[in-house]
PDB file of N, CA and C in Angstrom:
ATOM      1  N   MET A   1      27.358   6.298 -11.681  1.00  0.00           N
ATOM      2  CA  MET A   1      26.784   7.441 -10.984  1.00  0.00           C
ATOM      3  C   MET A   1      27.684   7.784  -9.801  1.00  0.00           C
ATOM      4  N   PRO A   2      28.207   8.991  -9.766  1.00  0.00           N
ATOM      5  CA  PRO A   2      29.117   9.361  -8.667  1.00  0.00           C
ATOM      6  C   PRO A   2      28.372   9.480  -7.350  1.00  0.00           C
ATOM      7  N   HIS A   3      29.099   9.179  -6.282  1.00  0.00           N
ATOM      8  CA  HIS A   3      28.508   9.290  -4.948  1.00  0.00           C
ATOM      9  C   HIS A   3      28.407  10.756  -4.550  1.00  0.00           C
ATOM     10  N   LYS A   4      27.377  11.044  -3.814  1.00  0.00           N
ATOM     11  CA  LYS A   4      27.209  12.396  -3.289  1.00  0.00           C
ATOM     12  C   LYS A   4      28.183  12.581  -2.137  1.00  0.00           C
ATOM     13  N   GLU A   5      28.584  13.802  -1.896  1.00  0.00           N
ATOM     14  CA  GLU A   5      29.591  14.082  -0.890  1.00  0.00           C
ATOM     15  C   GLU A   5      29.048  14.002   0.533  1.00  0.00           C
ATOM     16  N   PHE A   6      27.799  14.381   0.721  1.00  0.00           N
ATOM     17  CA  PHE A   6      27.217  14.409   2.056  1.00  0.00           C
ATOM     18  C   PHE A   6      26.191  13.293   2.204  1.00  0.00           C
ATOM     19  N   ARG A   7      26.305  12.528   3.293  1.00  0.00           N
ATOM     20  CA  ARG A   7      25.405  11.392   3.534  1.00  0.00           C
ATOM     21  C   ARG A   7      24.906  11.418   4.963  1.00  0.00           C
ATOM     22  N   ARG A   8      23.673  10.931   5.135  1.00  0.00           N
ATOM     23  CA  ARG A   8      23.119  10.811   6.482  1.00  0.00           C
ATOM     24  C   ARG A   8      22.126   9.650   6.449  1.00  0.00           C
ATOM     25  N   SER A   9      22.029   8.990   7.584  1.00  0.00           N
ATOM     26  CA  SER A   9      21.016   7.934   7.686  1.00  0.00           C
ATOM     27  C   SER A   9      20.276   8.110   9.004  1.00  0.00           C
ATOM     28  N   PHE A  10      19.051   7.591   9.020  1.00  0.00           N
ATOM     29  CA  PHE A  10      18.248   7.611  10.242  1.00  0.00           C
ATOM     30  C   PHE A  10      17.277   6.440  10.177  1.00  0.00           C
ATOM     31  N   ARG A  11      16.759   6.080  11.343  1.00  0.00           N
ATOM     32  CA  ARG A  11      15.798   4.976  11.414  1.00  0.00           C
ATOM     33  C   ARG A  11      14.395   5.534  11.534  1.00  0.00           C
ATOM     34  N   TYR A  12      13.478   4.873  10.825  1.00  0.00           N
ATOM     35  CA  TYR A  12      12.070   5.219  10.939  1.00  0.00           C
ATOM     36  C   TYR A  12      11.277   3.925  10.867  1.00  0.00           C
ATOM     37  N   ASP A  13      10.485   3.679  11.888  1.00  0.00           N
ATOM     38  CA  ASP A  13       9.620   2.489  11.933  1.00  0.00           C
ATOM     39  C   ASP A  13      10.430   1.206  11.713  1.00  0.00           C
ATOM     40  N   GLY A  14      11.614   1.150  12.313  1.00  0.00           N
ATOM     41  CA  GLY A  14      12.436  -0.057  12.237  1.00  0.00           C
ATOM     42  C   GLY A  14      13.232  -0.216  10.958  1.00  0.00           C
ATOM     43  N   LYS A  15      13.151   0.759  10.067  1.00  0.00           N
ATOM     44  CA  LYS A  15      13.862   0.670   8.790  1.00  0.00           C
ATOM     45  C   LYS A  15      14.849   1.825   8.682  1.00  0.00           C
ATOM     46  N   ARG A  16      16.054   1.532   8.205  1.00  0.00           N
ATOM     47  CA  ARG A  16      17.071   2.573   8.055  1.00  0.00           C
ATOM     48  C   ARG A  16      16.861   3.274   6.719  1.00  0.00           C
ATOM     49  N   GLU A  17      16.850   4.591   6.777  1.00  0.00           N
ATOM     50  CA  GLU A  17      16.710   5.436   5.591  1.00  0.00           C
ATOM     51  C   GLU A  17      18.049   6.106   5.307  1.00  0.00           C
ATOM     52  N   PHE A  18      18.466   6.118   4.053  1.00  0.00           N
ATOM     53  CA  PHE A  18      19.734   6.726   3.661  1.00  0.00           C
ATOM     54  C   PHE A  18      19.462   7.914   2.747  1.00  0.00           C
ATOM     55  N   ILE A  19      20.108   9.022   3.039  1.00  0.00           N
ATOM     56  CA  ILE A  19      19.945  10.241   2.254  1.00  0.00           C
ATOM     57  C   ILE A  19      21.321  10.718   1.812  1.00  0.00           C
ATOM     58  N   GLU A  20      21.434  11.143   0.552  1.00  0.00           N
ATOM     59  CA  GLU A  20      22.676  11.698   0.025  1.00  0.00           C
ATOM     60  C   GLU A  20      22.376  13.035  -0.651  1.00  0.00           C
ATOM     61  N   ALA A  21      23.329  13.945  -0.612  1.00  0.00           N
ATOM     62  CA  ALA A  21      23.165  15.243  -1.257  1.00  0.00           C
ATOM     63  C   ALA A  21      24.532  15.824  -1.602  1.00  0.00           C
ATOM     64  N   ASP A  22      24.515  16.889  -2.408  1.00  0.00           N
ATOM     65  CA  ASP A  22      25.753  17.535  -2.824  1.00  0.00           C
ATOM     66  C   ASP A  22      26.264  18.553  -1.814  1.00  0.00           C
ATOM     67  N   SER A  23      25.370  19.065  -0.971  1.00  0.00           N
ATOM     68  CA  SER A  23      25.805  20.049   0.028  1.00  0.00           C
ATOM     69  C   SER A  23      25.095  19.753   1.348  1.00  0.00           C
ATOM     70  N   GLU A  24      25.620  20.336   2.400  1.00  0.00           N
ATOM     71  CA  GLU A  24      25.017  20.103   3.710  1.00  0.00           C
ATOM     72  C   GLU A  24      23.613  20.704   3.793  1.00  0.00           C
ATOM     73  N   GLY A  25      23.409  21.843   3.167  1.00  0.00           N
ATOM     74  CA  GLY A  25      22.091  22.469   3.149  1.00  0.00           C
ATOM     75  C   GLY A  25      21.073  21.604   2.426  1.00  0.00           C
ATOM     76  N   GLU A  26      21.476  21.065   1.263  1.00  0.00           N
ATOM     77  CA  GLU A  26      20.596  20.155   0.514  1.00  0.00           C
ATOM     78  C   GLU A  26      20.305  18.900   1.333  1.00  0.00           C
ATOM     79  N   LEU A  27      21.306  18.417   2.042  1.00  0.00           N
ATOM     80  CA  LEU A  27      21.144  17.223   2.860  1.00  0.00           C
ATOM     81  C   LEU A  27      20.116  17.456   3.969  1.00  0.00           C
ATOM     82  N   ASP A  28      20.244  18.579   4.665  1.00  0.00           N
ATOM     83  CA  ASP A  28      19.281  18.898   5.726  1.00  0.00           C
ATOM     84  C   ASP A  28      17.861  18.979   5.167  1.00  0.00           C
ATOM     85  N   ALA A  29      17.718  19.622   4.019  1.00  0.00           N
ATOM     86  CA  ALA A  29      16.401  19.752   3.399  1.00  0.00           C
ATOM     87  C   ALA A  29      15.862  18.384   2.968  1.00  0.00           C
ATOM     88  N   ALA A  30      16.729  17.558   2.377  1.00  0.00           N
ATOM     89  CA  ALA A  30      16.307  16.235   1.918  1.00  0.00           C
ATOM     90  C   ALA A  30      15.888  15.352   3.094  1.00  0.00           C
ATOM     91  N   VAL A  31      16.595  15.431   4.199  1.00  0.00           N
ATOM     92  CA  VAL A  31      16.239  14.664   5.398  1.00  0.00           C
ATOM     93  C   VAL A  31      14.882  15.123   5.921  1.00  0.00           C
ATOM     94  N   ASP A  32      14.674  16.438   5.992  1.00  0.00           N
ATOM     95  CA  ASP A  32      13.389  16.960   6.461  1.00  0.00           C
ATOM     96  C   ASP A  32      12.240  16.509   5.565  1.00  0.00           C
ATOM     97  N   VAL A  33      12.452  16.557   4.250  1.00  0.00           N
ATOM     98  CA  VAL A  33      11.412  16.134   3.302  1.00  0.00           C
ATOM     99  C   VAL A  33      11.114  14.648   3.474  1.00  0.00           C
ATOM    100  N   ARG A  34      12.144  13.827   3.589  1.00  0.00           N
ATOM    101  CA  ARG A  34      11.934  12.379   3.723  1.00  0.00           C
ATOM    102  C   ARG A  34      11.213  12.044   5.025  1.00  0.00           C
ATOM    103  N   LYS A  35      11.580  12.699   6.117  1.00  0.00           N
ATOM    104  CA  LYS A  35      10.895  12.456   7.395  1.00  0.00           C
ATOM    105  C   LYS A  35       9.426  12.857   7.296  1.00  0.00           C
ATOM    106  N   TYR A  36       9.155  13.982   6.630  1.00  0.00           N
ATOM    107  CA  TYR A  36       7.765  14.404   6.459  1.00  0.00           C
ATOM    108  C   TYR A  36       6.994  13.374   5.638  1.00  0.00           C
ATOM    109  N   GLU A  37       7.600  12.877   4.542  1.00  0.00           N
ATOM    110  CA  GLU A  37       6.945  11.863   3.709  1.00  0.00           C
ATOM    111  C   GLU A  37       6.627  10.604   4.512  1.00  0.00           C
ATOM    112  N   LEU A  38       7.555  10.207   5.374  1.00  0.00           N
ATOM    113  CA  LEU A  38       7.341   9.008   6.181  1.00  0.00           C
ATOM    114  C   LEU A  38       6.264   9.218   7.241  1.00  0.00           C
ATOM    115  N   GLU A  39       6.205  10.399   7.807  1.00  0.00           N
ATOM    116  CA  GLU A  39       5.220  10.686   8.857  1.00  0.00           C
ATOM    117  C   GLU A  39       3.841  10.997   8.301  1.00  0.00           C
ATOM    118  N   HIS A  40       3.749  11.397   7.030  1.00  0.00           N
ATOM    119  CA  HIS A  40       2.481  11.747   6.399  1.00  0.00           C
ATOM    120  C   HIS A  40       2.341  11.005   5.070  1.00  0.00           C
ATOM    121  N   PRO A  41       2.184   9.681   5.129  1.00  0.00           N
ATOM    122  CA  PRO A  41       2.098   8.915   3.883  1.00  0.00           C
ATOM    123  C   PRO A  41       0.789   9.209   3.150  1.00  0.00           C
ATOM    124  N   PRO A  42       0.785   9.008   1.838  1.00  0.00           N
ATOM    125  CA  PRO A  42      -0.468   9.143   1.100  1.00  0.00           C
ATOM    126  C   PRO A  42      -1.493   8.163   1.659  1.00  0.00           C
ATOM    127  N   GLU A  43      -2.742   8.565   1.730  1.00  0.00           N
ATOM    128  CA  GLU A  43      -3.773   7.728   2.351  1.00  0.00           C
ATOM    129  C   GLU A  43      -3.980   6.410   1.622  1.00  0.00           C
ATOM    130  N   LYS A  44      -3.872   6.428   0.339  1.00  0.00           N
ATOM    131  CA  LYS A  44      -4.208   5.238  -0.439  1.00  0.00           C
ATOM    132  C   LYS A  44      -2.968   4.531  -0.971  1.00  0.00           C
ATOM    133  N   GLN A  45      -1.911   4.556  -0.209  1.00  0.00           N
ATOM    134  CA  GLN A  45      -0.666   3.950  -0.643  1.00  0.00           C
ATOM    135  C   GLN A  45      -0.716   2.438  -0.457  1.00  0.00           C
ATOM    136  N   ILE A  46      -0.330   1.717  -1.488  1.00  0.00           N
ATOM    137  CA  ILE A  46      -0.246   0.266  -1.408  1.00  0.00           C
ATOM    138  C   ILE A  46       1.210  -0.080  -1.078  1.00  0.00           C
ATOM    139  N   THR A  47       1.395  -0.840  -0.013  1.00  0.00           N
ATOM    140  CA  THR A  47       2.738  -1.226   0.403  1.00  0.00           C
ATOM    141  C   THR A  47       2.937  -2.720   0.169  1.00  0.00           C
ATOM    142  N   LYS A  48       4.126  -3.199   0.506  1.00  0.00           N
ATOM    143  CA  LYS A  48       4.410  -4.626   0.384  1.00  0.00           C
ATOM    144  C   LYS A  48       3.514  -5.456   1.283  1.00  0.00           C
ATOM    145  N   ARG A  49       3.037  -4.848   2.365  1.00  0.00           N
ATOM    146  CA  ARG A  49       2.251  -5.597   3.340  1.00  0.00           C
ATOM    147  C   ARG A  49       0.741  -5.428   3.165  1.00  0.00           C
ATOM    148  N   THR A  50       0.296  -4.677   2.176  1.00  0.00           N
ATOM    149  CA  THR A  50      -1.137  -4.473   1.971  1.00  0.00           C
ATOM    150  C   THR A  50      -1.788  -5.804   1.615  1.00  0.00           C
ATOM    151  N   THR A  51      -2.797  -6.184   2.392  1.00  0.00           N
ATOM    152  CA  THR A  51      -3.476  -7.458   2.151  1.00  0.00           C
ATOM    153  C   THR A  51      -4.619  -7.266   1.160  1.00  0.00           C
ATOM    154  N   VAL A  52      -5.084  -8.375   0.628  1.00  0.00           N
ATOM    155  CA  VAL A  52      -6.225  -8.366  -0.281  1.00  0.00           C
ATOM    156  C   VAL A  52      -7.427  -7.741   0.420  1.00  0.00           C
ATOM    157  N   GLU A  53      -7.638  -8.114   1.670  1.00  0.00           N
ATOM    158  CA  GLU A  53      -8.766  -7.598   2.439  1.00  0.00           C
ATOM    159  C   GLU A  53      -8.721  -6.077   2.556  1.00  0.00           C
ATOM    160  N   LYS A  54      -7.570  -5.535   2.921  1.00  0.00           N
ATOM    161  CA  LYS A  54      -7.419  -4.089   3.085  1.00  0.00           C
ATOM    162  C   LYS A  54      -7.583  -3.375   1.744  1.00  0.00           C
ATOM    163  N   TRP A  55      -7.005  -3.952   0.690  1.00  0.00           N
ATOM    164  CA  TRP A  55      -7.110  -3.341  -0.628  1.00  0.00           C
ATOM    165  C   TRP A  55      -8.558  -3.340  -1.113  1.00  0.00           C
ATOM    166  N   LEU A  56      -9.257  -4.463  -0.954  1.00  0.00           N
ATOM    167  CA  LEU A  56     -10.661  -4.530  -1.367  1.00  0.00           C
ATOM    168  C   LEU A  56     -11.509  -3.499  -0.631  1.00  0.00           C
ATOM    169  N   GLU A  57     -11.284  -3.379   0.660  1.00  0.00           N
ATOM    170  CA  GLU A  57     -12.022  -2.405   1.468  1.00  0.00           C
ATOM    171  C   GLU A  57     -11.792  -0.988   0.941  1.00  0.00           C
ATOM    172  N   GLU A  58     -10.544  -0.642   0.702  1.00  0.00           N
ATOM    173  CA  GLU A  58     -10.205   0.689   0.211  1.00  0.00           C
ATOM    174  C   GLU A  58     -10.742   0.907  -1.203  1.00  0.00           C
ATOM    175  N   TYR A  59     -10.621  -0.098  -2.050  1.00  0.00           N
ATOM    176  CA  TYR A  59     -11.112  -0.015  -3.432  1.00  0.00           C
ATOM    177  C   TYR A  59     -12.611   0.241  -3.468  1.00  0.00           C
ATOM    178  N   LEU A  60     -13.356  -0.548  -2.719  1.00  0.00           N
ATOM    179  CA  LEU A  60     -14.807  -0.388  -2.728  1.00  0.00           C
ATOM    180  C   LEU A  60     -15.221   0.977  -2.181  1.00  0.00           C
ATOM    181  N   LYS A  61     -14.590   1.392  -1.105  1.00  0.00           N
ATOM    182  CA  LYS A  61     -14.932   2.680  -0.492  1.00  0.00           C
ATOM    183  C   LYS A  61     -14.575   3.841  -1.419  1.00  0.00           C
ATOM    184  N   THR A  62     -13.417   3.768  -2.064  1.00  0.00           N
ATOM    185  CA  THR A  62     -12.931   4.873  -2.877  1.00  0.00           C
ATOM    186  C   THR A  62     -13.546   4.917  -4.273  1.00  0.00           C
ATOM    187  N   TYR A  63     -13.622   3.760  -4.932  1.00  0.00           N
ATOM    188  CA  TYR A  63     -13.984   3.754  -6.342  1.00  0.00           C
ATOM    189  C   TYR A  63     -15.401   3.276  -6.647  1.00  0.00           C
ATOM    190  N   LYS A  64     -16.082   2.700  -5.692  1.00  0.00           N
ATOM    191  CA  LYS A  64     -17.415   2.167  -5.979  1.00  0.00           C
ATOM    192  C   LYS A  64     -18.533   2.791  -5.163  1.00  0.00           C
ATOM    193  N   HIS A  65     -18.287   3.124  -3.906  1.00  0.00           N
ATOM    194  CA  HIS A  65     -19.348   3.564  -2.998  1.00  0.00           C
ATOM    195  C   HIS A  65     -20.195   4.692  -3.578  1.00  0.00           C
ATOM    196  N   ASP A  66     -19.596   5.712  -4.098  1.00  0.00           N
ATOM    197  CA  ASP A  66     -20.337   6.869  -4.613  1.00  0.00           C
ATOM    198  C   ASP A  66     -20.636   6.785  -6.109  1.00  0.00           C
ATOM    199  N   TYR A  67     -20.259   5.687  -6.751  1.00  0.00           N
ATOM    200  CA  TYR A  67     -20.380   5.626  -8.206  1.00  0.00           C
ATOM    201  C   TYR A  67     -21.294   4.513  -8.717  1.00  0.00           C
ATOM    202  N   VAL A  68     -21.791   3.667  -7.834  1.00  0.00           N
ATOM    203  CA  VAL A  68     -22.727   2.615  -8.239  1.00  0.00           C
ATOM    204  C   VAL A  68     -23.979   2.722  -7.373  1.00  0.00           C
ATOM    205  N   THR A  69     -25.040   2.043  -7.804  1.00  0.00           N
ATOM    206  CA  THR A  69     -26.265   2.077  -7.006  1.00  0.00           C
ATOM    207  C   THR A  69     -26.051   1.326  -5.696  1.00  0.00           C
ATOM    208  N   HIS A  70     -26.924   1.582  -4.740  1.00  0.00           N
ATOM    209  CA  HIS A  70     -26.822   0.912  -3.443  1.00  0.00           C
ATOM    210  C   HIS A  70     -26.900  -0.609  -3.621  1.00  0.00           C
ATOM    211  N   LYS A  71     -27.795  -1.069  -4.471  1.00  0.00           N
ATOM    212  CA  LYS A  71     -27.950  -2.512  -4.710  1.00  0.00           C
ATOM    213  C   LYS A  71     -26.654  -3.103  -5.299  1.00  0.00           C
ATOM    214  N   GLN A  72     -26.049  -2.396  -6.250  1.00  0.00           N
ATOM    215  CA  GLN A  72     -24.786  -2.871  -6.830  1.00  0.00           C
ATOM    216  C   GLN A  72     -23.673  -2.904  -5.777  1.00  0.00           C
ATOM    217  N   TYR A  73     -23.662  -1.883  -4.924  1.00  0.00           N
ATOM    218  CA  TYR A  73     -22.632  -1.818  -3.890  1.00  0.00           C
ATOM    219  C   TYR A  73     -22.769  -2.983  -2.907  1.00  0.00           C
ATOM    220  N   ILE A  74     -23.996  -3.296  -2.509  1.00  0.00           N
ATOM    221  CA  ILE A  74     -24.238  -4.437  -1.616  1.00  0.00           C
ATOM    222  C   ILE A  74     -23.785  -5.725  -2.286  1.00  0.00           C
ATOM    223  N   ASN A  75     -24.058  -5.861  -3.575  1.00  0.00           N
ATOM    224  CA  ASN A  75     -23.629  -7.037  -4.328  1.00  0.00           C
ATOM    225  C   ASN A  75     -22.094  -7.135  -4.353  1.00  0.00           C
ATOM    226  N   LEU A  76     -21.430  -6.012  -4.576  1.00  0.00           N
ATOM    227  CA  LEU A  76     -19.963  -5.993  -4.559  1.00  0.00           C
ATOM    228  C   LEU A  76     -19.414  -6.364  -3.181  1.00  0.00           C
ATOM    229  N   LEU A  77     -20.060  -5.874  -2.127  1.00  0.00           N
ATOM    230  CA  LEU A  77     -19.631  -6.226  -0.770  1.00  0.00           C
ATOM    231  C   LEU A  77     -19.750  -7.719  -0.516  1.00  0.00           C
ATOM    232  N   SER A  78     -20.822  -8.337  -1.023  1.00  0.00           N
ATOM    233  CA  SER A  78     -20.981  -9.783  -0.806  1.00  0.00           C
ATOM    234  C   SER A  78     -19.891 -10.561  -1.544  1.00  0.00           C
ATOM    235  N   HIS A  79     -19.545 -10.123  -2.742  1.00  0.00           N
ATOM    236  CA  HIS A  79     -18.439 -10.768  -3.471  1.00  0.00           C
ATOM    237  C   HIS A  79     -17.121 -10.559  -2.726  1.00  0.00           C
ATOM    238  N   ALA A  80     -16.922  -9.360  -2.192  1.00  0.00           N
ATOM    239  CA  ALA A  80     -15.693  -9.063  -1.454  1.00  0.00           C
ATOM    240  C   ALA A  80     -15.582  -9.940  -0.210  1.00  0.00           C
ATOM    241  N   ARG A  81     -16.696 -10.213   0.451  1.00  0.00           N
ATOM    242  CA  ARG A  81     -16.663 -11.077   1.643  1.00  0.00           C
ATOM    243  C   ARG A  81     -16.209 -12.492   1.278  1.00  0.00           C
ATOM    244  N   VAL A  82     -16.687 -12.992   0.151  1.00  0.00           N
ATOM    245  CA  VAL A  82     -16.293 -14.333  -0.291  1.00  0.00           C
ATOM    246  C   VAL A  82     -14.798 -14.367  -0.604  1.00  0.00           C
ATOM    247  N   ILE A  83     -14.330 -13.363  -1.324  1.00  0.00           N
ATOM    248  CA  ILE A  83     -12.904 -13.291  -1.676  1.00  0.00           C
ATOM    249  C   ILE A  83     -12.057 -13.149  -0.413  1.00  0.00           C
ATOM    250  N   THR A  84     -12.495 -12.287   0.491  1.00  0.00           N
ATOM    251  CA  THR A  84     -11.767 -12.046   1.732  1.00  0.00           C
ATOM    252  C   THR A  84     -11.677 -13.311   2.578  1.00  0.00           C
ATOM    253  N   ALA A  85     -12.756 -14.081   2.609  1.00  0.00           N
ATOM    254  CA  ALA A  85     -12.742 -15.324   3.382  1.00  0.00           C
ATOM    255  C   ALA A  85     -11.703 -16.296   2.828  1.00  0.00           C
ATOM    256  N   ALA A  86     -11.515 -16.280   1.521  1.00  0.00           N
ATOM    257  CA  ALA A  86     -10.592 -17.229   0.893  1.00  0.00           C
ATOM    258  C   ALA A  86      -9.138 -16.752   0.918  1.00  0.00           C
ATOM    259  N   ILE A  87      -8.898 -15.509   0.535  1.00  0.00           N
ATOM    260  CA  ILE A  87      -7.512 -15.041   0.373  1.00  0.00           C
ATOM    261  C   ILE A  87      -7.267 -13.674   0.999  1.00  0.00           C
ATOM    262  N   GLY A  88      -8.130 -13.219   1.867  1.00  0.00           N
ATOM    263  CA  GLY A  88      -8.051 -11.864   2.411  1.00  0.00           C
ATOM    264  C   GLY A  88      -6.803 -11.537   3.193  1.00  0.00           C
ATOM    265  N   LYS A  89      -6.195 -12.508   3.852  1.00  0.00           N
ATOM    266  CA  LYS A  89      -5.027 -12.240   4.698  1.00  0.00           C
ATOM    267  C   LYS A  89      -3.701 -12.283   3.931  1.00  0.00           C
ATOM    268  N   ILE A  90      -3.755 -12.611   2.654  1.00  0.00           N
ATOM    269  CA  ILE A  90      -2.535 -12.707   1.847  1.00  0.00           C
ATOM    270  C   ILE A  90      -2.163 -11.325   1.318  1.00  0.00           C
ATOM    271  N   PRO A  91      -0.893 -10.933   1.449  1.00  0.00           N
ATOM    272  CA  PRO A  91      -0.470  -9.646   0.874  1.00  0.00           C
ATOM    273  C   PRO A  91      -0.628  -9.666  -0.650  1.00  0.00           C
ATOM    274  N   LEU A  92      -0.971  -8.515  -1.238  1.00  0.00           N
ATOM    275  CA  LEU A  92      -1.162  -8.434  -2.685  1.00  0.00           C
ATOM    276  C   LEU A  92       0.058  -8.927  -3.452  1.00  0.00           C
ATOM    277  N   LYS A  93       1.241  -8.628  -2.941  1.00  0.00           N
ATOM    278  CA  LYS A  93       2.464  -9.008  -3.652  1.00  0.00           C
ATOM    279  C   LYS A  93       2.647 -10.520  -3.744  1.00  0.00           C
ATOM    280  N   ASP A  94       1.966 -11.271  -2.872  1.00  0.00           N
ATOM    281  CA  ASP A  94       2.116 -12.723  -2.862  1.00  0.00           C
ATOM    282  C   ASP A  94       1.010 -13.449  -3.626  1.00  0.00           C
ATOM    283  N   ILE A  95       0.047 -12.730  -4.158  1.00  0.00           N
ATOM    284  CA  ILE A  95      -1.047 -13.370  -4.894  1.00  0.00           C
ATOM    285  C   ILE A  95      -0.515 -13.920  -6.210  1.00  0.00           C
ATOM    286  N   ARG A  96      -0.859 -15.175  -6.480  1.00  0.00           N
ATOM    287  CA  ARG A  96      -0.470 -15.852  -7.717  1.00  0.00           C
ATOM    288  C   ARG A  96      -1.716 -16.368  -8.427  1.00  0.00           C
ATOM    289  N   LYS A  97      -1.523 -16.848  -9.626  1.00  0.00           N
ATOM    290  CA  LYS A  97      -2.634 -17.311 -10.458  1.00  0.00           C
ATOM    291  C   LYS A  97      -3.490 -18.344  -9.732  1.00  0.00           C
ATOM    292  N   HIS A  98      -2.874 -19.274  -9.036  1.00  0.00           N
ATOM    293  CA  HIS A  98      -3.648 -20.328  -8.389  1.00  0.00           C
ATOM    294  C   HIS A  98      -4.550 -19.794  -7.278  1.00  0.00           C
ATOM    295  N   HIS A  99      -4.231 -18.627  -6.711  1.00  0.00           N
ATOM    296  CA  HIS A  99      -5.092 -18.025  -5.705  1.00  0.00           C
ATOM    297  C   HIS A  99      -6.397 -17.533  -6.341  1.00  0.00           C
ATOM    298  N   CYS A 100      -6.334 -17.164  -7.601  1.00  0.00           N
ATOM    299  CA  CYS A 100      -7.480 -16.557  -8.283  1.00  0.00           C
ATOM    300  C   CYS A 100      -8.342 -17.573  -9.049  1.00  0.00           C
ATOM    301  N   GLU A 101      -7.864 -18.785  -9.202  1.00  0.00           N
ATOM    302  CA  GLU A 101      -8.646 -19.790  -9.904  1.00  0.00           C
ATOM    303  C   GLU A 101      -9.825 -20.211  -9.066  1.00  0.00           C
ATOM    304  N   LYS A 102     -10.843 -20.746  -9.747  1.00  0.00           N
ATOM    305  CA  LYS A 102     -12.065 -21.151  -9.047  1.00  0.00           C
ATOM    306  C   LYS A 102     -11.720 -22.214  -8.001  1.00  0.00           C
ATOM    307  N   ARG A 103     -12.269 -22.014  -6.796  1.00  0.00           N
ATOM    308  CA  ARG A 103     -12.020 -22.927  -5.688  1.00  0.00           C
ATOM    309  C   ARG A 103     -13.322 -23.572  -5.274  1.00  0.00           C
ATOM    310  N   GLU A 104     -13.217 -24.724  -4.683  1.00  0.00           N
ATOM    311  CA  GLU A 104     -14.398 -25.420  -4.196  1.00  0.00           C
ATOM    312  C   GLU A 104     -15.081 -24.584  -3.106  1.00  0.00           C
ATOM    313  N   GLY A 105     -16.377 -24.426  -3.206  1.00  0.00           N
ATOM    314  CA  GLY A 105     -17.133 -23.672  -2.218  1.00  0.00           C
ATOM    315  C   GLY A 105     -17.210 -22.189  -2.505  1.00  0.00           C
ATOM    316  N   ILE A 106     -16.535 -21.757  -3.567  1.00  0.00           N
ATOM    317  CA  ILE A 106     -16.586 -20.347  -3.950  1.00  0.00           C
ATOM    318  C   ILE A 106     -17.280 -20.271  -5.308  1.00  0.00           C
ATOM    319  N   PRO A 107     -18.343 -19.486  -5.416  1.00  0.00           N
ATOM    320  CA  PRO A 107     -19.076 -19.398  -6.697  1.00  0.00           C
ATOM    321  C   PRO A 107     -18.242 -18.800  -7.795  1.00  0.00           C
TER     322      PRO A 107
END
């Protein structure tokens, strides 16, 4: 893949972003688009740092709250509390099979 002729980099939130384009006009537009994407991320974006706790909270609010009965939702929240107590602070990307196996003290 040939390199683009025009390149620019900038820092955002401690991370360097690299942009390449075929013309200076395209480069300016691509930089503006990338900065906008970084400043206005999708609300439900899962990142490398998303924890089990944060994901469960978002999942229940988005996909269960309006679609199950109140009693079912309360039941799901109680299960989420148990899971969160055990593995809630671990990022999703680091979850392995042994994290999900039955543990002592967890039903």
